[in-house]
Amino acid sequence: CYHIYSRGNNRMPIFFEERNYVYFLKLYAHHV
């Protein structure tokens, strides 16, 4: 069991628009 997390450098955003969340979830579904 794992808890994996990541944060932007200096707490800067890593998701800028709604489509960034969707793209991340698509990549997650494909690879993980």
Full PDB file with SEQRES, HELIX, SHEET, SSBOND, CRYST1, ORIGX, SCALE, CONECT and MASTER records, all heavy atoms in Angstrom:
SEQRES   1 A   32  CYS TYR HIS ILE TYR SER ARG GLY ASN ASN ARG MET PRO          
SEQRES   2 A   32  ILE PHE PHE GLU GLU ARG ASN TYR VAL TYR PHE LEU LYS          
SEQRES   3 A   32  LEU TYR ALA HIS HIS VAL                                      
HELIX    1 AA1 ASN A    9  ARG A   11  5                                   3    
HELIX    2 AA2 GLU A   18  HIS A   31  1                                  14    
CRYST1    1.000    1.000    1.000  90.00  90.00  90.00 P 1           1          
ORIGX1      1.000000  0.000000  0.000000        0.00000                         
ORIGX2      0.000000  1.000000  0.000000        0.00000                         
ORIGX3      0.000000  0.000000  1.000000        0.00000                         
SCALE1      1.000000  0.000000  0.000000        0.00000                         
SCALE2      0.000000  1.000000  0.000000        0.00000                         
SCALE3      0.000000  0.000000  1.000000        0.00000                         
ATOM      1  N   CYS A   1       0.854  -1.190   0.000  1.00  0.00           N  
ATOM      2  CA  CYS A   1       0.000   0.000   0.000  1.00  0.00           C  
ATOM      3  C   CYS A   1       0.888   1.237   0.000  1.00  0.00           C  
ATOM      4  O   CYS A   1       1.886   1.284   0.719  1.00  0.00           O  
ATOM      5  CB  CYS A   1      -0.899   0.011   1.223  1.00  0.00           C  
ATOM      6  SG  CYS A   1      -2.147  -1.273   1.184  1.00  0.00           S  
ATOM      7  N   TYR A   2       0.512   2.231  -0.785  1.00  0.00           N  
ATOM      8  CA  TYR A   2       1.356   3.405  -0.957  1.00  0.00           C  
ATOM      9  C   TYR A   2       0.547   4.690  -0.920  1.00  0.00           C  
ATOM     10  O   TYR A   2      -0.610   4.719  -1.328  1.00  0.00           O  
ATOM     11  CB  TYR A   2       2.099   3.328  -2.295  1.00  0.00           C  
ATOM     12  CG  TYR A   2       3.043   2.159  -2.354  1.00  0.00           C  
ATOM     13  CD1 TYR A   2       2.639   0.947  -2.897  1.00  0.00           C  
ATOM     14  CD2 TYR A   2       4.316   2.262  -1.824  1.00  0.00           C  
ATOM     15  CE1 TYR A   2       3.498  -0.130  -2.922  1.00  0.00           C  
ATOM     16  CE2 TYR A   2       5.187   1.196  -1.847  1.00  0.00           C  
ATOM     17  CZ  TYR A   2       4.769  -0.004  -2.405  1.00  0.00           C  
ATOM     18  OH  TYR A   2       5.621  -1.065  -2.416  1.00  0.00           O  
ATOM     19  N   HIS A   3       1.178   5.733  -0.434  1.00  0.00           N  
ATOM     20  CA  HIS A   3       0.658   7.092  -0.503  1.00  0.00           C  
ATOM     21  C   HIS A   3       1.699   7.884  -1.284  1.00  0.00           C  
ATOM     22  O   HIS A   3       2.823   8.065  -0.816  1.00  0.00           O  
ATOM     23  CB  HIS A   3       0.464   7.676   0.898  1.00  0.00           C  
ATOM     24  CG  HIS A   3       0.008   9.089   0.886  1.00  0.00           C  
ATOM     25  ND1 HIS A   3       0.389   9.989   1.842  1.00  0.00           N  
ATOM     26  CD2 HIS A   3      -0.786   9.765   0.029  1.00  0.00           C  
ATOM     27  CE1 HIS A   3      -0.158  11.166   1.574  1.00  0.00           C  
ATOM     28  NE2 HIS A   3      -0.867  11.044   0.483  1.00  0.00           N  
ATOM     29  N   ILE A   4       1.324   8.315  -2.466  1.00  0.00           N  
ATOM     30  CA  ILE A   4       2.250   9.021  -3.348  1.00  0.00           C  
ATOM     31  C   ILE A   4       1.742  10.447  -3.514  1.00  0.00           C  
ATOM     32  O   ILE A   4       0.548  10.669  -3.746  1.00  0.00           O  
ATOM     33  CB  ILE A   4       2.349   8.309  -4.709  1.00  0.00           C  
ATOM     34  CG1 ILE A   4       2.888   6.899  -4.499  1.00  0.00           C  
ATOM     35  CG2 ILE A   4       3.217   9.095  -5.685  1.00  0.00           C  
ATOM     36  CD1 ILE A   4       2.846   6.013  -5.712  1.00  0.00           C  
ATOM     37  N   TYR A   5       2.655  11.397  -3.389  1.00  0.00           N  
ATOM     38  CA  TYR A   5       2.259  12.794  -3.529  1.00  0.00           C  
ATOM     39  C   TYR A   5       3.394  13.593  -4.148  1.00  0.00           C  
ATOM     40  O   TYR A   5       4.552  13.180  -4.132  1.00  0.00           O  
ATOM     41  CB  TYR A   5       1.870  13.398  -2.169  1.00  0.00           C  
ATOM     42  CG  TYR A   5       2.967  13.316  -1.146  1.00  0.00           C  
ATOM     43  CD1 TYR A   5       3.853  14.370  -0.983  1.00  0.00           C  
ATOM     44  CD2 TYR A   5       3.132  12.189  -0.357  1.00  0.00           C  
ATOM     45  CE1 TYR A   5       4.878  14.301  -0.049  1.00  0.00           C  
ATOM     46  CE2 TYR A   5       4.147  12.109   0.574  1.00  0.00           C  
ATOM     47  CZ  TYR A   5       5.014  13.173   0.721  1.00  0.00           C  
ATOM     48  OH  TYR A   5       6.026  13.098   1.637  1.00  0.00           O  
ATOM     49  N   SER A   6       3.039  14.719  -4.698  1.00  0.00           N  
ATOM     50  CA  SER A   6       4.030  15.630  -5.255  1.00  0.00           C  
ATOM     51  C   SER A   6       3.472  17.040  -5.183  1.00  0.00           C  
ATOM     52  O   SER A   6       2.261  17.254  -5.295  1.00  0.00           O  
ATOM     53  CB  SER A   6       4.354  15.258  -6.704  1.00  0.00           C  
ATOM     54  OG  SER A   6       5.410  16.053  -7.189  1.00  0.00           O  
ATOM     55  N   ARG A   7       4.359  17.987  -5.017  1.00  0.00           N  
ATOM     56  CA  ARG A   7       3.976  19.394  -4.891  1.00  0.00           C  
ATOM     57  C   ARG A   7       4.804  20.213  -5.861  1.00  0.00           C  
ATOM     58  O   ARG A   7       5.950  19.878  -6.159  1.00  0.00           O  
ATOM     59  CB  ARG A   7       4.235  19.848  -3.455  1.00  0.00           C  
ATOM     60  CG  ARG A   7       3.863  21.267  -3.166  1.00  0.00           C  
ATOM     61  CD  ARG A   7       4.217  21.642  -1.744  1.00  0.00           C  
ATOM     62  NE  ARG A   7       3.490  20.827  -0.795  1.00  0.00           N  
ATOM     63  CZ  ARG A   7       2.487  21.258  -0.044  1.00  0.00           C  
ATOM     64  NH1 ARG A   7       2.122  22.510  -0.115  1.00  0.00           N  
ATOM     65  NH2 ARG A   7       1.868  20.453   0.793  1.00  0.00           N  
ATOM     66  N   GLY A   8       4.254  21.301  -6.342  1.00  0.00           N  
ATOM     67  CA  GLY A   8       4.996  22.205  -7.209  1.00  0.00           C  
ATOM     68  C   GLY A   8       6.138  22.867  -6.455  1.00  0.00           C  
ATOM     69  O   GLY A   8       6.063  23.061  -5.239  1.00  0.00           O  
ATOM     70  N   ASN A   9       7.203  23.209  -7.159  1.00  0.00           N  
ATOM     71  CA  ASN A   9       8.331  23.910  -6.537  1.00  0.00           C  
ATOM     72  C   ASN A   9       7.848  25.209  -5.897  1.00  0.00           C  
ATOM     73  O   ASN A   9       7.068  25.950  -6.485  1.00  0.00           O  
ATOM     74  CB  ASN A   9       9.401  24.237  -7.581  1.00  0.00           C  
ATOM     75  CG  ASN A   9      10.112  23.003  -8.077  1.00  0.00           C  
ATOM     76  OD1 ASN A   9      10.137  21.980  -7.410  1.00  0.00           O  
ATOM     77  ND2 ASN A   9      10.688  23.095  -9.261  1.00  0.00           N  
ATOM     78  N   ASN A  10       8.305  25.454  -4.677  1.00  0.00           N  
ATOM     79  CA  ASN A  10       7.917  26.656  -3.924  1.00  0.00           C  
ATOM     80  C   ASN A  10       6.404  26.803  -3.817  1.00  0.00           C  
ATOM     81  O   ASN A  10       5.876  27.904  -3.802  1.00  0.00           O  
ATOM     82  CB  ASN A  10       8.519  27.917  -4.559  1.00  0.00           C  
ATOM     83  CG  ASN A  10      10.019  27.923  -4.491  1.00  0.00           C  
ATOM     84  OD1 ASN A  10      10.601  27.546  -3.478  1.00  0.00           O  
ATOM     85  ND2 ASN A  10      10.654  28.321  -5.578  1.00  0.00           N  
ATOM     86  N   ARG A  11       5.723  25.658  -3.793  1.00  0.00           N  
ATOM     87  CA  ARG A  11       4.263  25.616  -3.710  1.00  0.00           C  
ATOM     88  C   ARG A  11       3.576  26.309  -4.883  1.00  0.00           C  
ATOM     89  O   ARG A  11       2.432  26.764  -4.779  1.00  0.00           O  
ATOM     90  CB  ARG A  11       3.784  26.171  -2.381  1.00  0.00           C  
ATOM     91  CG  ARG A  11       4.308  25.366  -1.212  1.00  0.00           C  
ATOM     92  CD  ARG A  11       3.719  25.809   0.082  1.00  0.00           C  
ATOM     93  NE  ARG A  11       4.264  24.968   1.161  1.00  0.00           N  
ATOM     94  CZ  ARG A  11       3.849  25.032   2.380  1.00  0.00           C  
ATOM     95  NH1 ARG A  11       2.910  25.872   2.725  1.00  0.00           N  
ATOM     96  NH2 ARG A  11       4.389  24.246   3.294  1.00  0.00           N  
ATOM     97  N   MET A  12       4.274  26.368  -5.997  1.00  0.00           N  
ATOM     98  CA  MET A  12       3.689  26.950  -7.205  1.00  0.00           C  
ATOM     99  C   MET A  12       2.666  25.981  -7.793  1.00  0.00           C  
ATOM    100  O   MET A  12       2.758  24.774  -7.590  1.00  0.00           O  
ATOM    101  CB  MET A  12       4.782  27.246  -8.239  1.00  0.00           C  
ATOM    102  CG  MET A  12       5.784  28.297  -7.788  1.00  0.00           C  
ATOM    103  SD  MET A  12       5.052  29.932  -7.642  1.00  0.00           S  
ATOM    104  CE  MET A  12       4.694  30.279  -9.335  1.00  0.00           C  
ATOM    105  N   PRO A  13       1.707  26.491  -8.541  1.00  0.00           N  
ATOM    106  CA  PRO A  13       0.687  25.611  -9.135  1.00  0.00           C  
ATOM    107  C   PRO A  13       1.293  24.592 -10.106  1.00  0.00           C  
ATOM    108  O   PRO A  13       2.271  24.874 -10.790  1.00  0.00           O  
ATOM    109  CB  PRO A  13      -0.221  26.575  -9.897  1.00  0.00           C  
ATOM    110  CG  PRO A  13       0.030  27.915  -9.313  1.00  0.00           C  
ATOM    111  CD  PRO A  13       1.452  27.901  -8.822  1.00  0.00           C  
ATOM    112  N   ILE A  14       0.687  23.405 -10.126  1.00  0.00           N  
ATOM    113  CA  ILE A  14       1.022  22.411 -11.146  1.00  0.00           C  
ATOM    114  C   ILE A  14      -0.168  22.186 -12.068  1.00  0.00           C  
ATOM    115  O   ILE A  14      -0.016  21.635 -13.146  1.00  0.00           O  
ATOM    116  CB  ILE A  14       1.484  21.076 -10.526  1.00  0.00           C  
ATOM    117  CG1 ILE A  14       0.433  20.492  -9.599  1.00  0.00           C  
ATOM    118  CG2 ILE A  14       2.802  21.256  -9.789  1.00  0.00           C  
ATOM    119  CD1 ILE A  14       0.756  19.098  -9.078  1.00  0.00           C  
ATOM    120  N   PHE A  15      -1.347  22.598 -11.622  1.00  0.00           N  
ATOM    121  CA  PHE A  15      -2.549  22.565 -12.445  1.00  0.00           C  
ATOM    122  C   PHE A  15      -3.001  24.013 -12.636  1.00  0.00           C  
ATOM    123  O   PHE A  15      -3.275  24.713 -11.663  1.00  0.00           O  
ATOM    124  CB  PHE A  15      -3.656  21.756 -11.767  1.00  0.00           C  
ATOM    125  CG  PHE A  15      -3.278  20.327 -11.478  1.00  0.00           C  
ATOM    126  CD1 PHE A  15      -3.032  19.913 -10.185  1.00  0.00           C  
ATOM    127  CD2 PHE A  15      -3.186  19.398 -12.499  1.00  0.00           C  
ATOM    128  CE1 PHE A  15      -2.700  18.598  -9.907  1.00  0.00           C  
ATOM    129  CE2 PHE A  15      -2.851  18.077 -12.236  1.00  0.00           C  
ATOM    130  CZ  PHE A  15      -2.601  17.677 -10.944  1.00  0.00           C  
ATOM    131  N   PHE A  16      -3.072  24.449 -13.870  1.00  0.00           N  
ATOM    132  CA  PHE A  16      -3.406  25.842 -14.149  1.00  0.00           C  
ATOM    133  C   PHE A  16      -4.832  26.017 -14.653  1.00  0.00           C  
ATOM    134  O   PHE A  16      -5.441  27.052 -14.444  1.00  0.00           O  
ATOM    135  CB  PHE A  16      -2.424  26.427 -15.172  1.00  0.00           C  
ATOM    136  CG  PHE A  16      -1.007  26.468 -14.649  1.00  0.00           C  
ATOM    137  CD1 PHE A  16      -0.134  25.435 -14.923  1.00  0.00           C  
ATOM    138  CD2 PHE A  16      -0.571  27.522 -13.878  1.00  0.00           C  
ATOM    139  CE1 PHE A  16       1.162  25.455 -14.442  1.00  0.00           C  
ATOM    140  CE2 PHE A  16       0.723  27.556 -13.381  1.00  0.00           C  
ATOM    141  CZ  PHE A  16       1.595  26.512 -13.664  1.00  0.00           C  
ATOM    142  N   GLU A  17      -5.334  25.007 -15.347  1.00  0.00           N  
ATOM    143  CA  GLU A  17      -6.675  25.073 -15.919  1.00  0.00           C  
ATOM    144  C   GLU A  17      -7.388  23.756 -15.655  1.00  0.00           C  
ATOM    145  O   GLU A  17      -6.751  22.745 -15.356  1.00  0.00           O  
ATOM    146  CB  GLU A  17      -6.600  25.286 -17.441  1.00  0.00           C  
ATOM    147  CG  GLU A  17      -5.887  26.542 -17.862  1.00  0.00           C  
ATOM    148  CD  GLU A  17      -5.738  26.641 -19.370  1.00  0.00           C  
ATOM    149  OE1 GLU A  17      -6.375  25.849 -20.091  1.00  0.00           O  
ATOM    150  OE2 GLU A  17      -4.983  27.501 -19.819  1.00  0.00           O  
ATOM    151  N   GLU A  18      -8.704  23.759 -15.795  1.00  0.00           N  
ATOM    152  CA  GLU A  18      -9.495  22.540 -15.597  1.00  0.00           C  
ATOM    153  C   GLU A  18      -8.989  21.393 -16.469  1.00  0.00           C  
ATOM    154  O   GLU A  18      -8.914  20.253 -16.034  1.00  0.00           O  
ATOM    155  CB  GLU A  18     -10.968  22.837 -15.921  1.00  0.00           C  
ATOM    156  CG  GLU A  18     -11.902  21.693 -15.622  1.00  0.00           C  
ATOM    157  CD  GLU A  18     -12.091  21.433 -14.144  1.00  0.00           C  
ATOM    158  OE1 GLU A  18     -11.957  22.363 -13.335  1.00  0.00           O  
ATOM    159  OE2 GLU A  18     -12.367  20.272 -13.792  1.00  0.00           O  
ATOM    160  N   ARG A  19      -8.575  21.696 -17.673  1.00  0.00           N  
ATOM    161  CA  ARG A  19      -8.119  20.640 -18.581  1.00  0.00           C  
ATOM    162  C   ARG A  19      -6.823  19.984 -18.098  1.00  0.00           C  
ATOM    163  O   ARG A  19      -6.538  18.855 -18.461  1.00  0.00           O  
ATOM    164  CB  ARG A  19      -7.969  21.168 -20.008  1.00  0.00           C  
ATOM    165  CG  ARG A  19      -6.896  22.208 -20.166  1.00  0.00           C  
ATOM    166  CD  ARG A  19      -6.874  22.746 -21.573  1.00  0.00           C  
ATOM    167  NE  ARG A  19      -5.827  23.738 -21.706  1.00  0.00           N  
ATOM    168  CZ  ARG A  19      -5.273  24.055 -22.834  1.00  0.00           C  
ATOM    169  NH1 ARG A  19      -5.667  23.473 -23.951  1.00  0.00           N  
ATOM    170  NH2 ARG A  19      -4.331  24.964 -22.868  1.00  0.00           N  
ATOM    171  N   ASN A  20      -6.038  20.670 -17.272  1.00  0.00           N  
ATOM    172  CA  ASN A  20      -4.829  20.064 -16.711  1.00  0.00           C  
ATOM    173  C   ASN A  20      -5.174  18.903 -15.775  1.00  0.00           C  
ATOM    174  O   ASN A  20      -4.487  17.880 -15.767  1.00  0.00           O  
ATOM    175  CB  ASN A  20      -3.994  21.081 -15.946  1.00  0.00           C  
ATOM    176  CG  ASN A  20      -3.503  22.230 -16.785  1.00  0.00           C  
ATOM    177  OD1 ASN A  20      -3.484  23.362 -16.307  1.00  0.00           O  
ATOM    178  ND2 ASN A  20      -3.108  21.989 -18.021  1.00  0.00           N  
ATOM    179  N   TYR A  21      -6.246  19.053 -15.003  1.00  0.00           N  
ATOM    180  CA  TYR A  21      -6.705  17.971 -14.123  1.00  0.00           C  
ATOM    181  C   TYR A  21      -7.162  16.777 -14.957  1.00  0.00           C  
ATOM    182  O   TYR A  21      -6.827  15.627 -14.659  1.00  0.00           O  
ATOM    183  CB  TYR A  21      -7.860  18.438 -13.238  1.00  0.00           C  
ATOM    184  CG  TYR A  21      -7.520  19.532 -12.269  1.00  0.00           C  
ATOM    185  CD1 TYR A  21      -7.778  20.873 -12.562  1.00  0.00           C  
ATOM    186  CD2 TYR A  21      -6.965  19.229 -11.036  1.00  0.00           C  
ATOM    187  CE1 TYR A  21      -7.482  21.876 -11.665  1.00  0.00           C  
ATOM    188  CE2 TYR A  21      -6.659  20.225 -10.121  1.00  0.00           C  
ATOM    189  CZ  TYR A  21      -6.919  21.547 -10.449  1.00  0.00           C  
ATOM    190  OH  TYR A  21      -6.617  22.529  -9.556  1.00  0.00           O  
ATOM    191  N   VAL A  22      -7.926  17.047 -15.997  1.00  0.00           N  
ATOM    192  CA  VAL A  22      -8.429  15.988 -16.878  1.00  0.00           C  
ATOM    193  C   VAL A  22      -7.265  15.252 -17.546  1.00  0.00           C  
ATOM    194  O   VAL A  22      -7.253  14.019 -17.607  1.00  0.00           O  
ATOM    195  CB  VAL A  22      -9.397  16.575 -17.933  1.00  0.00           C  
ATOM    196  CG1 VAL A  22      -9.807  15.525 -18.943  1.00  0.00           C  
ATOM    197  CG2 VAL A  22     -10.610  17.186 -17.251  1.00  0.00           C  
ATOM    198  N   TYR A  23      -6.282  15.998 -18.023  1.00  0.00           N  
ATOM    199  CA  TYR A  23      -5.115  15.396 -18.672  1.00  0.00           C  
ATOM    200  C   TYR A  23      -4.342  14.510 -17.684  1.00  0.00           C  
ATOM    201  O   TYR A  23      -3.951  13.392 -18.025  1.00  0.00           O  
ATOM    202  CB  TYR A  23      -4.212  16.495 -19.235  1.00  0.00           C  
ATOM    203  CG  TYR A  23      -3.009  15.979 -19.973  1.00  0.00           C  
ATOM    204  CD1 TYR A  23      -3.146  15.299 -21.170  1.00  0.00           C  
ATOM    205  CD2 TYR A  23      -1.734  16.167 -19.461  1.00  0.00           C  
ATOM    206  CE1 TYR A  23      -2.036  14.817 -21.855  1.00  0.00           C  
ATOM    207  CE2 TYR A  23      -0.621  15.693 -20.130  1.00  0.00           C  
ATOM    208  CZ  TYR A  23      -0.777  15.021 -21.327  1.00  0.00           C  
ATOM    209  OH  TYR A  23       0.317  14.538 -21.994  1.00  0.00           O  
ATOM    210  N   PHE A  24      -4.143  14.989 -16.468  1.00  0.00           N  
ATOM    211  CA  PHE A  24      -3.460  14.200 -15.442  1.00  0.00           C  
ATOM    212  C   PHE A  24      -4.195  12.891 -15.201  1.00  0.00           C  
ATOM    213  O   PHE A  24      -3.581  11.820 -15.137  1.00  0.00           O  
ATOM    214  CB  PHE A  24      -3.357  15.004 -14.143  1.00  0.00           C  
ATOM    215  CG  PHE A  24      -2.687  14.262 -13.021  1.00  0.00           C  
ATOM    216  CD1 PHE A  24      -1.320  14.350 -12.839  1.00  0.00           C  
ATOM    217  CD2 PHE A  24      -3.419  13.480 -12.139  1.00  0.00           C  
ATOM    218  CE1 PHE A  24      -0.678  13.668 -11.805  1.00  0.00           C  
ATOM    219  CE2 PHE A  24      -2.806  12.787 -11.110  1.00  0.00           C  
ATOM    220  CZ  PHE A  24      -1.432  12.879 -10.946  1.00  0.00           C  
ATOM    221  N   LEU A  25      -5.521  12.942 -15.060  1.00  0.00           N  
ATOM    222  CA  LEU A  25      -6.293  11.733 -14.808  1.00  0.00           C  
ATOM    223  C   LEU A  25      -6.256  10.769 -15.988  1.00  0.00           C  
ATOM    224  O   LEU A  25      -6.241   9.554 -15.806  1.00  0.00           O  
ATOM    225  CB  LEU A  25      -7.730  12.093 -14.436  1.00  0.00           C  
ATOM    226  CG  LEU A  25      -7.889  12.771 -13.080  1.00  0.00           C  
ATOM    227  CD1 LEU A  25      -9.338  13.227 -12.877  1.00  0.00           C  
ATOM    228  CD2 LEU A  25      -7.447  11.850 -11.958  1.00  0.00           C  
ATOM    229  N   LYS A  26      -6.216  11.301 -17.212  1.00  0.00           N  
ATOM    230  CA  LYS A  26      -6.075  10.434 -18.390  1.00  0.00           C  
ATOM    231  C   LYS A  26      -4.732   9.725 -18.384  1.00  0.00           C  
ATOM    232  O   LYS A  26      -4.653   8.526 -18.653  1.00  0.00           O  
ATOM    233  CB  LYS A  26      -6.235  11.239 -19.682  1.00  0.00           C  
ATOM    234  CG  LYS A  26      -7.649  11.599 -20.001  1.00  0.00           C  
ATOM    235  CD  LYS A  26      -7.731  12.338 -21.322  1.00  0.00           C  
ATOM    236  CE  LYS A  26      -9.148  12.742 -21.624  1.00  0.00           C  
ATOM    237  NZ  LYS A  26      -9.256  13.476 -22.886  1.00  0.00           N  
ATOM    238  N   LEU A  27      -3.665  10.450 -18.072  1.00  0.00           N  
ATOM    239  CA  LEU A  27      -2.340   9.829 -17.989  1.00  0.00           C  
ATOM    240  C   LEU A  27      -2.304   8.794 -16.869  1.00  0.00           C  
ATOM    241  O   LEU A  27      -1.729   7.714 -17.027  1.00  0.00           O  
ATOM    242  CB  LEU A  27      -1.260  10.885 -17.751  1.00  0.00           C  
ATOM    243  CG  LEU A  27      -0.929  11.800 -18.911  1.00  0.00           C  
ATOM    244  CD1 LEU A  27       0.090  12.843 -18.481  1.00  0.00           C  
ATOM    245  CD2 LEU A  27      -0.408  11.011 -20.096  1.00  0.00           C  
ATOM    246  N   TYR A  28      -2.903   9.117 -15.741  1.00  0.00           N  
ATOM    247  CA  TYR A  28      -2.952   8.192 -14.618  1.00  0.00           C  
ATOM    248  C   TYR A  28      -3.685   6.909 -15.014  1.00  0.00           C  
ATOM    249  O   TYR A  28      -3.210   5.805 -14.742  1.00  0.00           O  
ATOM    250  CB  TYR A  28      -3.645   8.863 -13.428  1.00  0.00           C  
ATOM    251  CG  TYR A  28      -3.655   8.009 -12.190  1.00  0.00           C  
ATOM    252  CD1 TYR A  28      -2.541   7.956 -11.368  1.00  0.00           C  
ATOM    253  CD2 TYR A  28      -4.772   7.257 -11.855  1.00  0.00           C  
ATOM    254  CE1 TYR A  28      -2.541   7.163 -10.229  1.00  0.00           C  
ATOM    255  CE2 TYR A  28      -4.777   6.466 -10.726  1.00  0.00           C  
ATOM    256  CZ  TYR A  28      -3.662   6.421  -9.913  1.00  0.00           C  
ATOM    257  OH  TYR A  28      -3.650   5.634  -8.805  1.00  0.00           O  
ATOM    258  N   ALA A  29      -4.822   7.048 -15.666  1.00  0.00           N  
ATOM    259  CA  ALA A  29      -5.589   5.879 -16.102  1.00  0.00           C  
ATOM    260  C   ALA A  29      -4.781   5.028 -17.078  1.00  0.00           C  
ATOM    261  O   ALA A  29      -4.809   3.796 -17.010  1.00  0.00           O  
ATOM    262  CB  ALA A  29      -6.899   6.323 -16.744  1.00  0.00           C  
ATOM    263  N   HIS A  30      -4.037   5.656 -17.955  1.00  0.00           N  
ATOM    264  CA  HIS A  30      -3.256   4.932 -18.959  1.00  0.00           C  
ATOM    265  C   HIS A  30      -2.057   4.201 -18.353  1.00  0.00           C  
ATOM    266  O   HIS A  30      -1.779   3.063 -18.703  1.00  0.00           O  
ATOM    267  CB  HIS A  30      -2.789   5.896 -20.048  1.00  0.00           C  
ATOM    268  CG  HIS A  30      -1.974   5.253 -21.114  1.00  0.00           C  
ATOM    269  ND1 HIS A  30      -2.542   4.446 -22.081  1.00  0.00           N  
ATOM    270  CD2 HIS A  30      -0.650   5.270 -21.358  1.00  0.00           C  
ATOM    271  CE1 HIS A  30      -1.574   4.000 -22.871  1.00  0.00           C  
ATOM    272  NE2 HIS A  30      -0.416   4.494 -22.457  1.00  0.00           N  
ATOM    273  N   HIS A  31      -1.341   4.854 -17.445  1.00  0.00           N  
ATOM    274  CA  HIS A  31      -0.076   4.313 -16.944  1.00  0.00           C  
ATOM    275  C   HIS A  31      -0.167   3.578 -15.606  1.00  0.00           C  
ATOM    276  O   HIS A  31       0.665   2.722 -15.322  1.00  0.00           O  
ATOM    277  CB  HIS A  31       0.962   5.432 -16.810  1.00  0.00           C  
ATOM    278  CG  HIS A  31       1.366   6.025 -18.110  1.00  0.00           C  
ATOM    279  ND1 HIS A  31       2.204   5.389 -18.992  1.00  0.00           N  
ATOM    280  CD2 HIS A  31       1.027   7.194 -18.703  1.00  0.00           C  
ATOM    281  CE1 HIS A  31       2.388   6.141 -20.064  1.00  0.00           C  
ATOM    282  NE2 HIS A  31       1.671   7.238 -19.909  1.00  0.00           N  
ATOM    283  N   VAL A  32      -1.132   3.914 -14.779  1.00  0.00           N  
ATOM    284  CA  VAL A  32      -1.144   3.383 -13.413  1.00  0.00           C  
ATOM    285  C   VAL A  32      -2.343   2.478 -13.130  1.00  0.00           C  
ATOM    286  O   VAL A  32      -2.199   1.462 -12.454  1.00  0.00           O  
ATOM    287  CB  VAL A  32      -1.102   4.535 -12.375  1.00  0.00           C  
ATOM    288  CG1 VAL A  32      -1.115   4.002 -10.963  1.00  0.00           C  
ATOM    289  CG2 VAL A  32       0.105   5.421 -12.615  1.00  0.00           C  
TER     290      VAL A  32                                                      
MASTER        0    0    0    2    0    0    0    6  289    1    0    3          
END                                                                             
